[in-house]
Amino acid sequence: IDGAVDWRQLPEEILLQIFQYLPLLNRAFASQVCRGWNQTFHMPELWRCFEFEL
């Protein structure tokens, strides 16, 4: 498909910034999209400033 975006090919830095805006449950769902997104989900940088909501 011409002009289609392959979201799996996003640079890790960009993906990390996107993940930082997601609530915990949405991060978990996003981590199931592909191997690269799962690796981002497990990056320590993603969890440094995360506030857990109970």
PDB file of N, CA and C in Angstrom:
ATOM      1  N   ILE A   1       0.856  -1.181   0.000  1.00  0.00           N
ATOM      2  CA  ILE A   1       0.000   0.000   0.000  1.00  0.00           C
ATOM      3  C   ILE A   1       0.897   1.238   0.000  1.00  0.00           C
ATOM      4  N   ASP A   2       0.718   2.086  -0.975  1.00  0.00           N
ATOM      5  CA  ASP A   2       1.523   3.301  -1.068  1.00  0.00           C
ATOM      6  C   ASP A   2       1.152   4.282   0.033  1.00  0.00           C
ATOM      7  N   GLY A   3       2.168   4.836   0.676  1.00  0.00           N
ATOM      8  CA  GLY A   3       1.948   5.830   1.720  1.00  0.00           C
ATOM      9  C   GLY A   3       1.550   5.258   3.064  1.00  0.00           C
ATOM     10  N   ALA A   4       1.475   3.958   3.186  1.00  0.00           N
ATOM     11  CA  ALA A   4       1.091   3.344   4.462  1.00  0.00           C
ATOM     12  C   ALA A   4       2.251   3.429   5.442  1.00  0.00           C
ATOM     13  N   VAL A   5       1.915   3.613   6.704  1.00  0.00           N
ATOM     14  CA  VAL A   5       2.924   3.684   7.756  1.00  0.00           C
ATOM     15  C   VAL A   5       3.051   2.321   8.414  1.00  0.00           C
ATOM     16  N   ASP A   6       4.277   1.854   8.538  1.00  0.00           N
ATOM     17  CA  ASP A   6       4.528   0.607   9.255  1.00  0.00           C
ATOM     18  C   ASP A   6       4.922   0.984  10.679  1.00  0.00           C
ATOM     19  N   TRP A   7       3.968   0.924  11.592  1.00  0.00           N
ATOM     20  CA  TRP A   7       4.173   1.360  12.980  1.00  0.00           C
ATOM     21  C   TRP A   7       5.249   0.548  13.678  1.00  0.00           C
ATOM     22  N   ARG A   8       5.549  -0.634  13.179  1.00  0.00           N
ATOM     23  CA  ARG A   8       6.598  -1.462  13.785  1.00  0.00           C
ATOM     24  C   ARG A   8       7.981  -0.894  13.531  1.00  0.00           C
ATOM     25  N   GLN A   9       8.099  -0.003  12.576  1.00  0.00           N
ATOM     26  CA  GLN A   9       9.396   0.548  12.187  1.00  0.00           C
ATOM     27  C   GLN A   9       9.709   1.891  12.849  1.00  0.00           C
ATOM     28  N   LEU A  10       8.882   2.318  13.795  1.00  0.00           N
ATOM     29  CA  LEU A  10       9.158   3.579  14.481  1.00  0.00           C
ATOM     30  C   LEU A  10      10.481   3.490  15.238  1.00  0.00           C
ATOM     31  N   PRO A  11      11.264   4.567  15.231  1.00  0.00           N
ATOM     32  CA  PRO A  11      12.497   4.559  16.025  1.00  0.00           C
ATOM     33  C   PRO A  11      12.170   4.340  17.502  1.00  0.00           C
ATOM     34  N   GLU A  12      13.056   3.654  18.189  1.00  0.00           N
ATOM     35  CA  GLU A  12      12.837   3.308  19.595  1.00  0.00           C
ATOM     36  C   GLU A  12      12.582   4.548  20.459  1.00  0.00           C
ATOM     37  N   GLU A  13      13.284   5.646  20.173  1.00  0.00           N
ATOM     38  CA  GLU A  13      13.121   6.860  20.964  1.00  0.00           C
ATOM     39  C   GLU A  13      11.696   7.417  20.840  1.00  0.00           C
ATOM     40  N   ILE A  14      11.148   7.364  19.638  1.00  0.00           N
ATOM     41  CA  ILE A  14       9.791   7.866  19.403  1.00  0.00           C
ATOM     42  C   ILE A  14       8.780   6.954  20.083  1.00  0.00           C
ATOM     43  N   LEU A  15       8.957   5.665  19.914  1.00  0.00           N
ATOM     44  CA  LEU A  15       8.053   4.692  20.514  1.00  0.00           C
ATOM     45  C   LEU A  15       8.056   4.818  22.041  1.00  0.00           C
ATOM     46  N   LEU A  16       9.224   5.041  22.604  1.00  0.00           N
ATOM     47  CA  LEU A  16       9.345   5.209  24.047  1.00  0.00           C
ATOM     48  C   LEU A  16       8.554   6.429  24.514  1.00  0.00           C
ATOM     49  N   GLN A  17       8.623   7.517  23.768  1.00  0.00           N
ATOM     50  CA  GLN A  17       7.871   8.716  24.141  1.00  0.00           C
ATOM     51  C   GLN A  17       6.362   8.473  24.051  1.00  0.00           C
ATOM     52  N   ILE A  18       5.930   7.748  23.043  1.00  0.00           N
ATOM     53  CA  ILE A  18       4.502   7.432  22.905  1.00  0.00           C
ATOM     54  C   ILE A  18       4.045   6.583  24.082  1.00  0.00           C
ATOM     55  N   PHE A  19       4.809   5.559  24.414  1.00  0.00           N
ATOM     56  CA  PHE A  19       4.462   4.671  25.526  1.00  0.00           C
ATOM     57  C   PHE A  19       4.359   5.435  26.843  1.00  0.00           C
ATOM     58  N   GLN A  20       5.161   6.478  27.024  1.00  0.00           N
ATOM     59  CA  GLN A  20       5.151   7.231  28.271  1.00  0.00           C
ATOM     60  C   GLN A  20       3.812   7.933  28.514  1.00  0.00           C
ATOM     61  N   TYR A  21       3.060   8.181  27.469  1.00  0.00           N
ATOM     62  CA  TYR A  21       1.755   8.830  27.609  1.00  0.00           C
ATOM     63  C   TYR A  21       0.628   7.837  27.891  1.00  0.00           C
ATOM     64  N   LEU A  22       0.904   6.554  27.761  1.00  0.00           N
ATOM     65  CA  LEU A  22      -0.144   5.545  27.915  1.00  0.00           C
ATOM     66  C   LEU A  22      -0.300   5.105  29.370  1.00  0.00           C
ATOM     67  N   PRO A  23      -1.542   4.894  29.807  1.00  0.00           N
ATOM     68  CA  PRO A  23      -1.762   4.285  31.125  1.00  0.00           C
ATOM     69  C   PRO A  23      -1.240   2.839  31.113  1.00  0.00           C
ATOM     70  N   LEU A  24      -1.049   2.294  32.283  1.00  0.00           N
ATOM     71  CA  LEU A  24      -0.450   0.968  32.436  1.00  0.00           C
ATOM     72  C   LEU A  24      -1.132  -0.102  31.578  1.00  0.00           C
ATOM     73  N   LEU A  25      -2.447  -0.201  31.647  1.00  0.00           N
ATOM     74  CA  LEU A  25      -3.157  -1.250  30.904  1.00  0.00           C
ATOM     75  C   LEU A  25      -2.950  -1.090  29.397  1.00  0.00           C
ATOM     76  N   ASN A  26      -2.983   0.136  28.900  1.00  0.00           N
ATOM     77  CA  ASN A  26      -2.769   0.358  27.471  1.00  0.00           C
ATOM     78  C   ASN A  26      -1.340   0.042  27.063  1.00  0.00           C
ATOM     79  N   ARG A  27      -0.384   0.289  27.954  1.00  0.00           N
ATOM     80  CA  ARG A  27       1.004  -0.090  27.675  1.00  0.00           C
ATOM     81  C   ARG A  27       1.097  -1.611  27.510  1.00  0.00           C
ATOM     82  N   ALA A  28       0.430  -2.316  28.393  1.00  0.00           N
ATOM     83  CA  ALA A  28       0.459  -3.776  28.330  1.00  0.00           C
ATOM     84  C   ALA A  28      -0.162  -4.274  27.029  1.00  0.00           C
ATOM     85  N   PHE A  29      -1.288  -3.694  26.628  1.00  0.00           N
ATOM     86  CA  PHE A  29      -1.912  -4.086  25.361  1.00  0.00           C
ATOM     87  C   PHE A  29      -0.998  -3.768  24.185  1.00  0.00           C
ATOM     88  N   ALA A  30      -0.383  -2.585  24.191  1.00  0.00           N
ATOM     89  CA  ALA A  30       0.503  -2.184  23.096  1.00  0.00           C
ATOM     90  C   ALA A  30       1.711  -3.102  23.005  1.00  0.00           C
ATOM     91  N   SER A  31       2.165  -3.602  24.140  1.00  0.00           N
ATOM     92  CA  SER A  31       3.348  -4.469  24.140  1.00  0.00           C
ATOM     93  C   SER A  31       3.091  -5.789  23.425  1.00  0.00           C
ATOM     94  N   GLN A  32       1.827  -6.095  23.164  1.00  0.00           N
ATOM     95  CA  GLN A  32       1.479  -7.341  22.488  1.00  0.00           C
ATOM     96  C   GLN A  32       1.413  -7.199  20.967  1.00  0.00           C
ATOM     97  N   VAL A  33       1.624  -5.981  20.464  1.00  0.00           N
ATOM     98  CA  VAL A  33       1.518  -5.734  19.028  1.00  0.00           C
ATOM     99  C   VAL A  33       2.610  -6.456  18.242  1.00  0.00           C
ATOM    100  N   CYS A  34       3.835  -6.329  18.705  1.00  0.00           N
ATOM    101  CA  CYS A  34       4.947  -6.976  18.008  1.00  0.00           C
ATOM    102  C   CYS A  34       6.143  -7.068  18.955  1.00  0.00           C
ATOM    103  N   ARG A  35       7.153  -7.771  18.524  1.00  0.00           N
ATOM    104  CA  ARG A  35       8.340  -7.984  19.365  1.00  0.00           C
ATOM    105  C   ARG A  35       9.022  -6.666  19.736  1.00  0.00           C
ATOM    106  N   GLY A  36       9.124  -5.751  18.790  1.00  0.00           N
ATOM    107  CA  GLY A  36       9.776  -4.466  19.054  1.00  0.00           C
ATOM    108  C   GLY A  36       9.030  -3.649  20.103  1.00  0.00           C
ATOM    109  N   TRP A  37       7.710  -3.662  20.040  1.00  0.00           N
ATOM    110  CA  TRP A  37       6.921  -2.908  21.016  1.00  0.00           C
ATOM    111  C   TRP A  37       7.023  -3.566  22.383  1.00  0.00           C
ATOM    112  N   ASN A  38       7.141  -4.883  22.408  1.00  0.00           N
ATOM    113  CA  ASN A  38       7.308  -5.583  23.672  1.00  0.00           C
ATOM    114  C   ASN A  38       8.655  -5.236  24.300  1.00  0.00           C
ATOM    115  N   GLN A  39       9.672  -5.115  23.484  1.00  0.00           N
ATOM    116  CA  GLN A  39      10.991  -4.722  23.993  1.00  0.00           C
ATOM    117  C   GLN A  39      10.939  -3.313  24.576  1.00  0.00           C
ATOM    118  N   THR A  40      10.211  -2.421  23.927  1.00  0.00           N
ATOM    119  CA  THR A  40      10.060  -1.058  24.448  1.00  0.00           C
ATOM    120  C   THR A  40       9.349  -1.086  25.790  1.00  0.00           C
ATOM    121  N   PHE A  41       8.325  -1.911  25.914  1.00  0.00           N
ATOM    122  CA  PHE A  41       7.568  -2.041  27.158  1.00  0.00           C
ATOM    123  C   PHE A  41       8.470  -2.427  28.324  1.00  0.00           C
ATOM    124  N   HIS A  42       9.516  -3.180  28.064  1.00  0.00           N
ATOM    125  CA  HIS A  42      10.402  -3.653  29.118  1.00  0.00           C
ATOM    126  C   HIS A  42      11.640  -2.779  29.333  1.00  0.00           C
ATOM    127  N   MET A  43      11.713  -1.647  28.656  1.00  0.00           N
ATOM    128  CA  MET A  43      12.863  -0.758  28.818  1.00  0.00           C
ATOM    129  C   MET A  43      12.773  -0.032  30.164  1.00  0.00           C
ATOM    130  N   PRO A  44      13.848  -0.020  30.940  1.00  0.00           N
ATOM    131  CA  PRO A  44      13.833   0.672  32.241  1.00  0.00           C
ATOM    132  C   PRO A  44      13.491   2.158  32.115  1.00  0.00           C
ATOM    133  N   GLU A  45      13.880   2.778  31.008  1.00  0.00           N
ATOM    134  CA  GLU A  45      13.599   4.200  30.810  1.00  0.00           C
ATOM    135  C   GLU A  45      12.100   4.496  30.823  1.00  0.00           C
ATOM    136  N   LEU A  46      11.317   3.548  30.404  1.00  0.00           N
ATOM    137  CA  LEU A  46       9.866   3.735  30.349  1.00  0.00           C
ATOM    138  C   LEU A  46       9.257   3.821  31.737  1.00  0.00           C
ATOM    139  N   TRP A  47       9.863   3.192  32.705  1.00  0.00           N
ATOM    140  CA  TRP A  47       9.260   3.065  34.030  1.00  0.00           C
ATOM    141  C   TRP A  47       9.860   4.018  35.068  1.00  0.00           C
ATOM    142  N   ARG A  48      10.849   4.799  34.705  1.00  0.00           N
ATOM    143  CA  ARG A  48      11.500   5.688  35.669  1.00  0.00           C
ATOM    144  C   ARG A  48      10.555   6.736  36.245  1.00  0.00           C
ATOM    145  N   CYS A  49       9.694   7.291  35.423  1.00  0.00           N
ATOM    146  CA  CYS A  49       8.818   8.378  35.865  1.00  0.00           C
ATOM    147  C   CYS A  49       7.350   7.981  35.858  1.00  0.00           C
ATOM    148  N   PHE A  50       7.095   6.708  35.983  1.00  0.00           N
ATOM    149  CA  PHE A  50       5.713   6.229  35.915  1.00  0.00           C
ATOM    150  C   PHE A  50       5.055   6.280  37.285  1.00  0.00           C
ATOM    151  N   GLU A  51       3.854   6.841  37.329  1.00  0.00           N
ATOM    152  CA  GLU A  51       3.089   6.883  38.580  1.00  0.00           C
ATOM    153  C   GLU A  51       2.003   5.827  38.505  1.00  0.00           C
ATOM    154  N   PHE A  52       2.054   4.892  39.437  1.00  0.00           N
ATOM    155  CA  PHE A  52       1.042   3.850  39.468  1.00  0.00           C
ATOM    156  C   PHE A  52      -0.230   4.370  40.110  1.00  0.00           C
ATOM    157  N   GLU A  53      -1.348   4.117  39.453  1.00  0.00           N
ATOM    158  CA  GLU A  53      -2.635   4.524  39.996  1.00  0.00           C
ATOM    159  C   GLU A  53      -3.342   3.311  40.551  1.00  0.00           C
ATOM    160  N   LEU A  54      -3.796   3.401  41.790  1.00  0.00           N
ATOM    161  CA  LEU A  54      -4.514   2.291  42.403  1.00  0.00           C
ATOM    162  C   LEU A  54      -5.996   2.571  42.428  1.00  0.00           C
TER     163      LEU A  54
END
